[in-house]
Amino acid sequence: MAASSITKAVIAVAGSGTRFLPATKAIPKEMIPLIDRPIIQYLVEELAASGIEDVVFVSRWDKKVLEDHFDQHPTLEGELEASGKEHYLAEIRRPGELVNVAYIRQNGPYGNGTPALNAAPLLGGQPFVYAFGDDLVSSAVPFARQLIEQYHETPGVILGAQEVAESEVPNYGMIEVDSAMRVTKIVEKPEPRAVTSNLVGFGRYILPPEVLELLGEIPTGKGGELWLMDAIEAYMRQGGAVYACPVRGGRWLTTGDPVNYLEALFHFGLERDDLKDDLARIIKRIAKDL
């Protein structure tokens, strides 16, 4: 089976973005710009480059601007065409040409398992990429492609993973693995000495349909919310295989809070040939005054 046979993805974008208020009072956090593209476009570009053809956004009532971004804008296109701004014309058309998109409203309990469960009727009982809208990966080989390739080598649940410093271990859900990268234990925000691994799992997965079935069966967990990791642990107890897929040739960049957002902003800026020299000079000047 070719790696490209996984062609569907679900992106959870129903969060309220409270850590970015008041900016997110009127703008979804996924639409906050990273330079000249919104956060969510980086993720969709990665998925498209990985062979994903269909993306389901699980959203909420006040995020229509996200839908508009991946749609046509005839008025603006006409203005740009009339003024000869062909570069900008291509750029605003690009989001709508990346993938086929569908939008559904999140319905059910809070929790990061609910969006995947809501999208199940659109997935045809096939494995799919599941992504959180504020988690990005910068890598030479698109990370969703790395996940898909890992799935075809070791079928089961595939967890996106990255090593972190020991001091950061208490901030994340940590995963312990064997020599084949099969997950043996998942520990949420442990003390550093409570785990033997420094691999953190983040918001990027390949999920087989069995996990969706379990999401529909398990009770809500902590805080009355439906947690994806509870379903994955139930899958493991039933003998299902779960593997970690560390980022190769790149790094995970979360944009879910202001500090990490700034790091992602600098990172992507320094990757661009048209910006890196000026940005490096600005960073050095600011750092000199600290």
Protein backbone atom coordinates (compact mmCIF):
# COMPACT_ATOMS: atom_id res chain seq x y z
CA MET A 1 0.00 0.00 0.00
CA ALA A 2 1.45 3.36 -1.01
CA ALA A 3 1.99 6.05 1.56
CA SER A 4 -0.28 8.37 -0.45
CA SER A 5 -3.27 6.09 0.24
CA ILE A 6 -4.04 8.17 3.35
CA THR A 7 -5.68 11.18 1.74
CA LYS A 8 -7.95 12.61 4.46
CA ALA A 9 -7.17 14.83 7.43
CA VAL A 10 -9.16 16.35 10.27
CA ILE A 11 -8.08 19.63 11.87
CA ALA A 12 -9.47 20.65 15.25
CA VAL A 13 -10.04 24.42 15.24
CA ALA A 14 -12.89 24.92 17.73
CA GLY A 15 -10.79 26.37 20.56
CA SER A 16 -11.48 29.86 21.84
CA GLY A 17 -7.87 31.12 21.95
CA THR A 18 -8.17 32.65 25.41
CA ARG A 19 -4.39 32.99 25.80
CA PHE A 20 -4.42 35.49 22.93
CA LEU A 21 -7.25 37.71 24.14
CA PRO A 22 -8.15 40.41 23.27
CA ALA A 23 -6.75 39.66 19.78
CA THR A 24 -8.92 36.54 19.50
CA LYS A 25 -12.11 38.36 20.44
CA ALA A 26 -12.75 38.88 16.72
CA ILE A 27 -10.05 36.77 15.02
CA PRO A 28 -9.73 32.97 15.42
CA LYS A 29 -6.34 32.09 16.88
CA GLU A 30 -5.65 29.91 13.83
CA MET A 31 -5.95 33.04 11.65
CA ILE A 32 -3.32 35.04 13.53
CA PRO A 33 -0.59 35.82 10.97
CA LEU A 34 2.84 34.25 10.93
CA ILE A 35 4.33 36.99 8.75
CA ASP A 36 2.04 37.07 5.68
CA ARG A 37 0.10 33.82 6.09
CA PRO A 38 -2.21 32.75 8.90
CA ILE A 39 -1.08 29.95 11.20
CA ILE A 40 -3.60 27.50 9.75
CA GLN A 41 -2.31 27.91 6.20
CA TYR A 42 1.12 26.56 7.16
CA LEU A 43 -0.56 23.40 8.43
CA VAL A 44 -2.77 22.95 5.36
CA GLU A 45 0.24 23.49 3.08
CA GLU A 46 2.08 20.72 4.93
CA LEU A 47 -0.88 18.38 4.54
CA ALA A 48 -1.20 19.13 0.83
CA ALA A 49 2.53 18.50 0.34
CA SER A 50 2.04 15.13 2.05
CA GLY A 51 -0.60 13.85 -0.37
CA ILE A 52 -3.67 14.86 1.64
CA GLU A 53 -6.57 15.72 -0.67
CA ASP A 54 -9.51 16.26 1.69
CA VAL A 55 -9.46 18.26 4.93
CA VAL A 56 -12.30 18.45 7.45
CA PHE A 57 -12.20 21.46 9.74
CA VAL A 58 -14.08 20.89 12.99
CA SER A 59 -14.93 24.41 13.98
CA ARG A 60 -17.51 26.58 15.75
CA TRP A 61 -20.04 29.25 14.87
CA ASP A 62 -17.73 32.28 15.12
CA LYS A 63 -14.94 31.11 12.80
CA LYS A 64 -16.41 31.91 9.40
CA VAL A 65 -13.34 33.99 8.56
CA LEU A 66 -11.35 30.73 8.51
CA GLU A 67 -13.77 29.34 5.93
CA ASP A 68 -13.47 32.54 3.90
CA HIS A 69 -9.69 32.23 3.81
CA PHE A 70 -9.90 28.92 1.93
CA ASP A 71 -12.55 30.24 -0.47
CA GLN A 72 -12.49 32.51 -3.51
CA HIS A 73 -12.61 36.30 -3.17
CA PRO A 74 -13.86 37.56 -6.57
CA THR A 75 -13.86 41.25 -5.60
CA LEU A 76 -10.27 41.30 -4.36
CA GLU A 77 -9.13 39.07 -7.22
CA GLY A 78 -10.66 41.50 -9.70
CA GLU A 79 -8.95 44.48 -8.08
CA LEU A 80 -5.55 42.78 -8.09
CA GLU A 81 -5.94 41.62 -11.68
CA ALA A 82 -6.94 45.11 -12.83
CA SER A 83 -3.92 46.67 -11.11
CA GLY A 84 -1.47 44.10 -12.48
CA LYS A 85 -0.52 42.68 -9.09
CA GLU A 86 -0.18 39.12 -10.36
CA HIS A 87 2.00 37.94 -7.47
CA TYR A 88 -0.61 38.85 -4.87
CA LEU A 89 -3.35 37.39 -7.06
CA ALA A 90 -1.60 34.02 -7.08
CA GLU A 91 -1.04 34.18 -3.33
CA ILE A 92 -4.68 34.82 -2.42
CA ARG A 93 -5.87 32.08 -4.77
CA ARG A 94 -3.40 29.56 -3.38
CA PRO A 95 -5.23 28.64 -0.12
CA GLY A 96 -8.34 27.57 -2.01
CA GLU A 97 -6.31 25.42 -4.40
CA LEU A 98 -4.44 23.35 -1.81
CA VAL A 99 -7.05 20.76 -0.80
CA ASN A 100 -10.77 20.06 -0.82
CA VAL A 101 -12.27 21.39 2.40
CA ALA A 102 -15.35 20.65 4.47
CA TYR A 103 -16.50 22.38 7.65
CA ILE A 104 -18.54 20.94 10.49
CA ARG A 105 -19.47 22.34 13.88
CA GLN A 106 -18.09 20.68 16.99
CA ASN A 107 -20.93 18.98 18.80
CA GLY A 108 -20.70 17.12 22.08
CA PRO A 109 -18.53 17.33 25.17
CA TYR A 110 -15.47 19.55 25.35
CA GLY A 111 -12.17 17.76 24.81
CA ASN A 112 -9.70 17.05 22.04
CA GLY A 113 -11.33 13.73 21.14
CA THR A 114 -14.67 15.24 20.16
CA PRO A 115 -13.56 16.83 16.83
CA ALA A 116 -12.27 13.48 15.54
CA LEU A 117 -15.50 11.77 16.56
CA ASN A 118 -17.59 14.49 14.92
CA ALA A 119 -15.72 14.03 11.63
CA ALA A 120 -16.12 10.24 11.54
CA PRO A 121 -19.03 10.20 9.03
CA LEU A 122 -16.84 11.97 6.46
CA LEU A 123 -13.86 9.63 6.75
CA GLY A 124 -15.20 6.45 5.16
CA GLY A 125 -13.84 4.16 7.85
CA GLN A 126 -10.27 4.86 6.74
CA PRO A 127 -7.17 5.92 8.71
CA PHE A 128 -6.58 9.66 8.65
CA VAL A 129 -4.29 12.43 9.82
CA TYR A 130 -5.57 14.24 12.91
CA ALA A 131 -4.06 17.63 13.71
CA PHE A 132 -4.52 20.44 16.20
CA GLY A 133 -4.73 23.79 14.46
CA ASP A 134 -2.02 25.50 16.52
CA ASP A 135 0.71 22.85 16.17
CA LEU A 136 3.14 23.37 13.28
CA VAL A 137 6.21 21.45 12.17
CA SER A 138 9.08 22.91 10.19
CA SER A 139 10.92 20.07 8.44
CA ALA A 140 12.61 19.24 5.15
CA VAL A 141 10.20 16.34 4.53
CA PRO A 142 6.63 17.41 5.36
CA PHE A 143 5.83 15.92 8.75
CA ALA A 144 2.43 14.53 7.78
CA ARG A 145 4.25 12.54 5.09
CA GLN A 146 6.64 11.22 7.75
CA LEU A 147 3.64 10.10 9.82
CA ILE A 148 1.99 8.41 6.85
CA GLU A 149 5.18 6.59 5.91
CA GLN A 150 5.55 5.42 9.51
CA TYR A 151 1.96 4.15 9.48
CA HIS A 152 2.63 1.97 6.44
CA GLU A 153 5.75 0.54 8.09
CA THR A 154 4.08 -0.05 11.47
CA PRO A 155 0.26 0.13 11.20
CA GLY A 156 -1.63 1.37 14.24
CA VAL A 157 -1.84 4.72 15.98
CA ILE A 158 1.08 6.99 15.10
CA LEU A 159 1.93 9.83 17.50
CA GLY A 160 3.91 12.89 16.46
CA ALA A 161 6.79 13.24 18.91
CA GLN A 162 9.79 15.39 19.73
CA GLU A 163 12.49 15.30 22.37
CA VAL A 164 12.43 18.07 24.97
CA ALA A 165 14.82 19.17 27.68
CA GLU A 166 14.42 17.50 31.08
CA SER A 167 13.27 20.80 32.57
CA GLU A 168 10.30 20.83 30.16
CA VAL A 169 9.09 17.30 30.95
CA PRO A 170 6.49 18.39 33.57
CA ASN A 171 4.79 20.61 30.95
CA TYR A 172 3.77 17.87 28.53
CA GLY A 173 2.31 14.43 28.02
CA MET A 174 5.36 12.19 27.83
CA ILE A 175 5.64 8.87 26.01
CA GLU A 176 7.91 5.94 26.77
CA VAL A 177 8.87 3.64 23.90
CA ASP A 178 10.74 0.41 23.24
CA SER A 179 13.60 -0.06 20.76
CA ALA A 180 11.13 -0.21 17.85
CA MET A 181 9.51 3.10 18.93
CA ARG A 182 6.38 1.26 20.04
CA VAL A 183 4.75 3.19 22.86
CA THR A 184 4.71 1.34 26.17
CA LYS A 185 3.49 4.09 28.47
CA ILE A 186 1.88 7.52 28.32
CA VAL A 187 2.29 9.83 31.32
CA GLU A 188 0.58 13.23 31.51
CA LYS A 189 2.84 16.01 32.86
CA PRO A 190 5.09 13.80 35.02
CA GLU A 191 7.91 14.72 37.34
CA PRO A 192 11.20 14.42 35.41
CA ARG A 193 12.35 11.32 37.29
CA ALA A 194 8.97 9.59 36.85
CA VAL A 195 9.69 8.75 33.19
CA THR A 196 12.66 7.27 31.36
CA SER A 197 11.99 9.18 28.13
CA ASN A 198 12.12 12.80 27.08
CA LEU A 199 9.78 12.27 24.12
CA VAL A 200 6.73 14.51 24.16
CA GLY A 201 3.67 13.67 22.10
CA PHE A 202 2.09 16.66 20.35
CA GLY A 203 -1.00 17.40 18.30
CA ARG A 204 -0.34 15.36 15.17
CA TYR A 205 -1.52 11.77 14.70
CA ILE A 206 -2.47 9.00 12.34
CA LEU A 207 -5.63 7.43 13.73
CA PRO A 208 -7.15 4.16 12.52
CA PRO A 209 -10.96 3.80 12.59
CA GLU A 210 -10.82 1.63 15.71
CA VAL A 211 -9.87 4.69 17.75
CA LEU A 212 -12.99 6.52 16.56
CA GLU A 213 -15.08 3.55 17.68
CA LEU A 214 -13.48 3.74 21.12
CA LEU A 215 -14.08 7.50 21.30
CA GLY A 216 -17.75 6.74 20.85
CA GLU A 217 -17.71 4.19 23.67
CA ILE A 218 -15.48 5.53 26.44
CA PRO A 219 -16.86 7.83 29.15
CA THR A 220 -15.75 11.42 29.43
CA GLY A 221 -12.64 11.88 31.54
CA LYS A 222 -10.95 14.65 33.44
CA GLY A 223 -13.08 17.80 33.63
CA GLY A 224 -15.99 16.02 31.99
CA GLU A 225 -14.18 16.21 28.64
CA LEU A 226 -13.63 13.58 25.94
CA TRP A 227 -9.89 13.00 25.67
CA LEU A 228 -8.21 11.43 22.65
CA MET A 229 -5.45 9.97 24.81
CA ASP A 230 -8.03 8.06 26.86
CA ALA A 231 -9.18 6.34 23.66
CA ILE A 232 -5.59 5.65 22.60
CA GLU A 233 -4.82 4.07 25.98
CA ALA A 234 -7.97 1.94 25.66
CA TYR A 235 -6.74 0.91 22.20
CA MET A 236 -3.41 -0.13 23.73
CA ARG A 237 -5.16 -2.18 26.42
CA GLN A 238 -6.96 -4.08 23.67
CA GLY A 239 -3.62 -4.94 22.08
CA GLY A 240 -3.53 -2.16 19.51
CA ALA A 241 -0.11 -0.94 18.45
CA VAL A 242 0.86 2.68 19.08
CA TYR A 243 4.12 4.04 17.69
CA ALA A 244 5.96 7.32 18.17
CA CYS A 245 7.20 9.18 15.11
CA PRO A 246 9.82 11.75 16.14
CA VAL A 247 10.23 14.72 13.81
CA ARG A 248 13.10 14.04 11.39
CA GLY A 249 15.07 16.91 9.93
CA GLY A 250 13.13 19.65 11.65
CA ARG A 251 11.20 20.61 14.74
CA TRP A 252 7.76 21.01 16.24
CA LEU A 253 6.62 24.59 16.84
CA THR A 254 3.48 25.21 18.83
CA THR A 255 1.73 28.55 18.46
CA GLY A 256 -0.76 28.06 21.28
CA ASP A 257 0.58 30.77 23.60
CA PRO A 258 2.30 34.13 23.05
CA VAL A 259 5.86 33.04 23.91
CA ASN A 260 5.84 29.97 21.66
CA TYR A 261 4.07 31.96 18.96
CA LEU A 262 6.93 34.46 18.96
CA GLU A 263 9.46 31.64 18.65
CA ALA A 264 7.55 30.24 15.67
CA LEU A 265 7.35 33.71 14.13
CA PHE A 266 11.12 34.19 14.36
CA HIS A 267 11.78 30.64 13.15
CA PHE A 268 9.70 30.94 9.99
CA GLY A 269 10.99 34.45 9.37
CA LEU A 270 14.59 33.26 9.52
CA GLU A 271 13.77 30.49 7.04
CA ARG A 272 12.78 33.01 4.37
CA ASP A 273 15.47 34.31 2.03
CA ASP A 274 13.65 37.63 1.62
CA LEU A 275 13.52 38.26 5.38
CA LYS A 276 16.27 36.38 7.18
CA ASP A 277 19.08 38.95 6.90
CA ASP A 278 16.97 41.91 8.02
CA LEU A 279 15.31 39.87 10.77
CA ALA A 280 18.65 38.59 12.08
CA ARG A 281 19.93 42.15 12.23
CA ILE A 282 16.83 43.28 14.15
CA ILE A 283 17.11 40.39 16.62
CA LYS A 284 20.79 41.15 17.26
CA ARG A 285 20.01 44.83 17.82
CA ILE A 286 17.24 44.06 20.30
CA ALA A 287 19.34 41.44 22.11
CA LYS A 288 22.20 43.89 22.44
CA ASP A 289 19.97 46.23 24.46
CA LEU A 290 18.82 43.56 26.93
